[in-house]
């Protein structure tokens, strides 16, 4: 019995040109699990809560909390906003 080899599938190309550029995927879909909002927030809560729970030292937990809040601002607010801004300009 002879085996037939079919040609590889060709991607379908839209025959009508579009004035809109192709959409970029959502920002969070590009990130691995450890860089998702839930993991960023839970890690920050665990760090600050663990610091307070183990040490009960405000002078340690407060700077940690400020650092975590700055980390959240950067990675949960500013970076996604910059991504959206860059995708809107493209």
N, C-alpha and C. Protein backbone atom coordinates (compact mmCIF):
# COMPACT_ATOMS: atom_id res chain seq x y z
N UNK A 1 0.85 -1.17 0.00
CA UNK A 1 0.00 0.00 0.00
C UNK A 1 0.90 1.24 0.00
N UNK A 2 0.62 2.14 -0.87
CA UNK A 2 1.43 3.35 -0.99
C UNK A 2 0.93 4.40 -0.01
N UNK A 3 1.85 5.08 0.62
CA UNK A 3 1.47 6.16 1.52
C UNK A 3 1.60 7.48 0.78
N UNK A 4 0.65 8.31 0.99
CA UNK A 4 0.69 9.62 0.35
C UNK A 4 1.08 10.66 1.39
N UNK A 5 1.89 11.56 0.96
CA UNK A 5 2.34 12.64 1.84
C UNK A 5 1.62 13.89 1.41
N UNK A 6 0.87 14.44 2.35
CA UNK A 6 0.15 15.66 2.03
C UNK A 6 1.06 16.85 2.25
N UNK A 7 0.86 17.90 1.47
CA UNK A 7 1.70 19.10 1.66
C UNK A 7 1.41 19.74 3.00
N UNK A 8 2.38 20.43 3.56
CA UNK A 8 2.15 21.08 4.86
C UNK A 8 1.05 22.13 4.75
N UNK A 9 0.35 22.31 5.84
CA UNK A 9 -0.73 23.29 5.86
C UNK A 9 -0.16 24.68 5.72
N UNK A 10 -0.79 25.42 4.86
CA UNK A 10 -0.39 26.81 4.69
C UNK A 10 -1.30 27.68 5.53
N UNK A 11 -0.75 28.69 6.20
CA UNK A 11 -1.62 29.57 6.97
C UNK A 11 -2.54 30.35 6.04
N UNK A 12 -3.76 30.53 6.47
CA UNK A 12 -4.69 31.28 5.67
C UNK A 12 -4.38 32.76 5.80
N UNK A 13 -4.30 33.40 4.67
CA UNK A 13 -3.99 34.83 4.65
C UNK A 13 -5.28 35.58 4.33
N UNK A 14 -5.52 36.60 5.10
CA UNK A 14 -6.70 37.42 4.87
C UNK A 14 -6.50 38.18 3.57
N UNK A 15 -7.39 37.97 2.62
CA UNK A 15 -7.21 38.60 1.31
C UNK A 15 -7.58 40.08 1.30
N UNK A 16 -8.37 40.51 2.28
CA UNK A 16 -8.73 41.92 2.33
C UNK A 16 -7.77 42.65 3.25
N UNK A 17 -7.09 43.65 2.73
CA UNK A 17 -6.14 44.38 3.59
C UNK A 17 -6.89 45.14 4.67
N UNK A 18 -6.29 45.19 5.83
CA UNK A 18 -6.90 45.87 6.96
C UNK A 18 -6.11 47.13 7.29
N UNK A 19 -6.83 48.18 7.60
CA UNK A 19 -6.17 49.44 7.96
C UNK A 19 -5.65 49.39 9.39
N UNK A 20 -6.20 48.47 10.19
CA UNK A 20 -5.79 48.37 11.59
C UNK A 20 -4.59 47.45 11.72
N UNK A 21 -3.61 47.82 12.55
CA UNK A 21 -2.48 46.92 12.77
C UNK A 21 -2.94 45.71 13.57
N UNK A 22 -2.23 44.60 13.46
CA UNK A 22 -2.62 43.42 14.24
C UNK A 22 -2.52 43.72 15.74
N UNK A 23 -3.47 43.18 16.48
CA UNK A 23 -3.50 43.45 17.92
C UNK A 23 -2.40 42.67 18.63
N UNK A 24 -1.82 43.31 19.64
CA UNK A 24 -0.85 42.61 20.47
C UNK A 24 -1.61 41.81 21.51
N UNK A 25 -1.04 40.69 21.95
CA UNK A 25 -1.72 39.91 22.99
C UNK A 25 -1.77 40.69 24.30
N UNK A 26 -2.72 40.36 25.17
CA UNK A 26 -2.78 41.04 26.47
C UNK A 26 -1.47 40.88 27.22
N UNK A 27 -1.12 41.91 27.97
CA UNK A 27 0.18 41.95 28.66
C UNK A 27 0.40 40.73 29.54
N UNK A 28 -0.59 40.38 30.35
CA UNK A 28 -0.39 39.30 31.32
C UNK A 28 -0.32 37.94 30.68
N UNK A 29 -0.82 37.78 29.45
CA UNK A 29 -0.72 36.48 28.79
C UNK A 29 0.70 36.20 28.32
N UNK A 30 1.53 37.23 28.28
CA UNK A 30 2.93 37.06 27.86
C UNK A 30 3.85 36.66 29.02
N UNK A 31 3.34 36.72 30.23
CA UNK A 31 4.16 36.51 31.42
C UNK A 31 4.01 35.09 31.96
N UNK A 32 5.10 34.56 32.54
CA UNK A 32 4.99 33.23 33.17
C UNK A 32 4.18 33.30 34.46
N UNK A 33 3.88 32.15 35.04
CA UNK A 33 3.00 32.09 36.22
C UNK A 33 3.56 32.90 37.38
N UNK A 34 4.87 32.93 37.54
CA UNK A 34 5.45 33.61 38.69
C UNK A 34 5.48 35.13 38.51
N UNK A 35 5.03 35.60 37.37
CA UNK A 35 4.98 37.04 37.12
C UNK A 35 3.55 37.49 36.84
N UNK A 36 2.58 36.74 37.29
CA UNK A 36 1.17 37.10 37.16
C UNK A 36 0.77 37.96 38.36
N UNK A 37 -0.28 38.76 38.23
CA UNK A 37 -0.69 39.63 39.35
C UNK A 37 -0.94 38.87 40.65
N UNK A 38 -1.57 37.72 40.58
CA UNK A 38 -1.86 36.98 41.81
C UNK A 38 -0.58 36.54 42.52
N UNK A 39 0.47 36.19 41.77
CA UNK A 39 1.70 35.77 42.42
C UNK A 39 2.49 36.96 42.96
N UNK A 40 2.41 38.09 42.27
CA UNK A 40 3.10 39.30 42.75
C UNK A 40 2.46 39.78 44.05
N UNK A 41 1.12 39.82 44.08
CA UNK A 41 0.42 40.27 45.27
C UNK A 41 0.62 39.30 46.43
N UNK A 42 0.47 38.00 46.15
CA UNK A 42 0.60 37.02 47.24
C UNK A 42 2.01 36.97 47.80
N UNK A 43 3.02 37.14 46.96
CA UNK A 43 4.39 37.17 47.45
C UNK A 43 4.62 38.38 48.35
N UNK A 44 4.12 39.53 47.93
CA UNK A 44 4.26 40.73 48.76
C UNK A 44 3.56 40.59 50.10
N UNK A 45 2.35 40.04 50.07
CA UNK A 45 1.60 39.85 51.32
C UNK A 45 2.34 38.87 52.22
N UNK A 46 2.86 37.79 51.65
CA UNK A 46 3.60 36.80 52.44
C UNK A 46 4.89 37.40 53.04
N UNK A 47 5.59 38.21 52.27
CA UNK A 47 6.83 38.81 52.78
C UNK A 47 6.53 39.74 53.95
N UNK A 48 5.58 40.65 53.77
CA UNK A 48 5.27 41.61 54.83
C UNK A 48 4.61 40.90 56.02
N UNK A 49 3.63 40.04 55.73
CA UNK A 49 2.97 39.31 56.80
C UNK A 49 3.91 38.38 57.54
N UNK A 50 4.80 37.73 56.81
CA UNK A 50 5.78 36.85 57.44
C UNK A 50 6.76 37.62 58.30
N UNK A 51 7.18 38.78 57.81
CA UNK A 51 8.08 39.62 58.60
C UNK A 51 7.43 40.04 59.91
N UNK A 52 6.19 40.49 59.82
CA UNK A 52 5.50 40.93 61.03
C UNK A 52 5.19 39.75 61.94
N UNK A 53 4.76 38.65 61.35
CA UNK A 53 4.40 37.48 62.15
C UNK A 53 5.58 36.87 62.88
N UNK A 54 6.73 36.87 62.27
CA UNK A 54 7.91 36.27 62.90
C UNK A 54 8.63 37.22 63.84
N UNK A 55 8.74 38.47 63.44
CA UNK A 55 9.61 39.39 64.17
C UNK A 55 8.85 40.39 65.05
N UNK A 56 7.65 40.78 64.66
CA UNK A 56 6.90 41.82 65.38
C UNK A 56 7.75 43.07 65.58
N UNK A 57 8.49 43.42 64.54
CA UNK A 57 9.34 44.61 64.58
C UNK A 57 8.88 45.57 63.48
N UNK A 58 8.28 46.68 63.91
CA UNK A 58 7.76 47.65 62.94
C UNK A 58 8.89 48.25 62.10
N UNK A 59 10.06 48.44 62.67
CA UNK A 59 11.16 49.05 61.94
C UNK A 59 11.69 48.13 60.83
N UNK A 60 11.34 46.87 60.86
CA UNK A 60 11.69 45.94 59.77
C UNK A 60 10.51 45.80 58.80
N UNK A 61 9.33 45.61 59.34
CA UNK A 61 8.15 45.34 58.50
C UNK A 61 7.71 46.56 57.70
N UNK A 62 7.84 47.76 58.28
CA UNK A 62 7.41 48.96 57.57
C UNK A 62 8.25 49.23 56.32
N UNK A 63 9.58 49.20 56.39
CA UNK A 63 10.35 49.38 55.14
C UNK A 63 10.07 48.27 54.12
N UNK A 64 9.86 47.05 54.60
CA UNK A 64 9.50 45.97 53.68
C UNK A 64 8.16 46.27 53.00
N UNK A 65 7.20 46.75 53.76
CA UNK A 65 5.89 47.08 53.20
C UNK A 65 6.00 48.20 52.17
N UNK A 66 6.82 49.20 52.45
CA UNK A 66 7.01 50.29 51.49
C UNK A 66 7.69 49.78 50.22
N UNK A 67 8.67 48.90 50.37
CA UNK A 67 9.33 48.31 49.21
C UNK A 67 8.39 47.46 48.38
N UNK A 68 7.55 46.69 49.04
CA UNK A 68 6.57 45.86 48.34
C UNK A 68 5.57 46.73 47.61
N UNK A 69 5.12 47.81 48.24
CA UNK A 69 4.17 48.70 47.58
C UNK A 69 4.79 49.37 46.36
N UNK A 70 6.08 49.72 46.44
CA UNK A 70 6.77 50.28 45.28
C UNK A 70 6.89 49.23 44.17
N UNK A 71 7.17 47.99 44.56
CA UNK A 71 7.26 46.87 43.62
C UNK A 71 5.91 46.66 42.94
N UNK A 72 4.82 46.68 43.72
CA UNK A 72 3.48 46.54 43.15
C UNK A 72 3.17 47.68 42.18
N UNK A 73 3.50 48.90 42.57
CA UNK A 73 3.24 50.05 41.70
C UNK A 73 3.98 49.87 40.37
N UNK A 74 5.22 49.46 40.44
CA UNK A 74 6.01 49.29 39.23
C UNK A 74 5.45 48.19 38.34
N UNK A 75 5.28 47.00 38.91
CA UNK A 75 4.95 45.84 38.09
C UNK A 75 3.46 45.62 37.85
N UNK A 76 2.59 46.19 38.68
CA UNK A 76 1.16 46.00 38.49
C UNK A 76 0.48 47.20 37.85
N UNK A 77 1.14 48.36 37.87
CA UNK A 77 0.50 49.58 37.34
C UNK A 77 1.33 50.18 36.20
N UNK A 78 2.58 50.53 36.47
CA UNK A 78 3.36 51.29 35.49
C UNK A 78 3.78 50.47 34.27
N UNK A 79 4.26 49.26 34.47
CA UNK A 79 4.71 48.45 33.32
C UNK A 79 3.54 48.07 32.41
N UNK A 80 2.40 47.59 32.95
CA UNK A 80 1.27 47.32 32.04
C UNK A 80 0.77 48.58 31.32
N UNK A 81 0.80 49.72 32.00
CA UNK A 81 0.37 50.97 31.36
C UNK A 81 1.32 51.34 30.23
N UNK A 82 2.61 51.14 30.43
CA UNK A 82 3.59 51.43 29.38
C UNK A 82 3.40 50.48 28.19
N UNK A 83 3.07 49.23 28.47
CA UNK A 83 2.81 48.26 27.41
C UNK A 83 1.59 48.68 26.60
N UNK A 84 0.52 49.06 27.28
CA UNK A 84 -0.69 49.52 26.58
C UNK A 84 -0.40 50.77 25.75
N UNK A 85 0.37 51.68 26.33
CA UNK A 85 0.71 52.90 25.62
C UNK A 85 1.53 52.60 24.37
N UNK A 86 2.49 51.70 24.49
CA UNK A 86 3.31 51.34 23.34
C UNK A 86 2.50 50.62 22.28
N UNK A 87 1.56 49.79 22.69
CA UNK A 87 0.74 49.07 21.71
C UNK A 87 -0.27 50.01 21.06
N UNK A 88 -0.69 51.06 21.75
CA UNK A 88 -1.60 52.03 21.15
C UNK A 88 -0.89 52.89 20.11
N UNK A 89 0.38 53.14 20.30
CA UNK A 89 1.16 53.96 19.38
C UNK A 89 1.55 53.18 18.13
N UNK A 90 1.66 51.87 18.26
CA UNK A 90 2.11 51.05 17.13
C UNK A 90 1.05 50.90 16.07
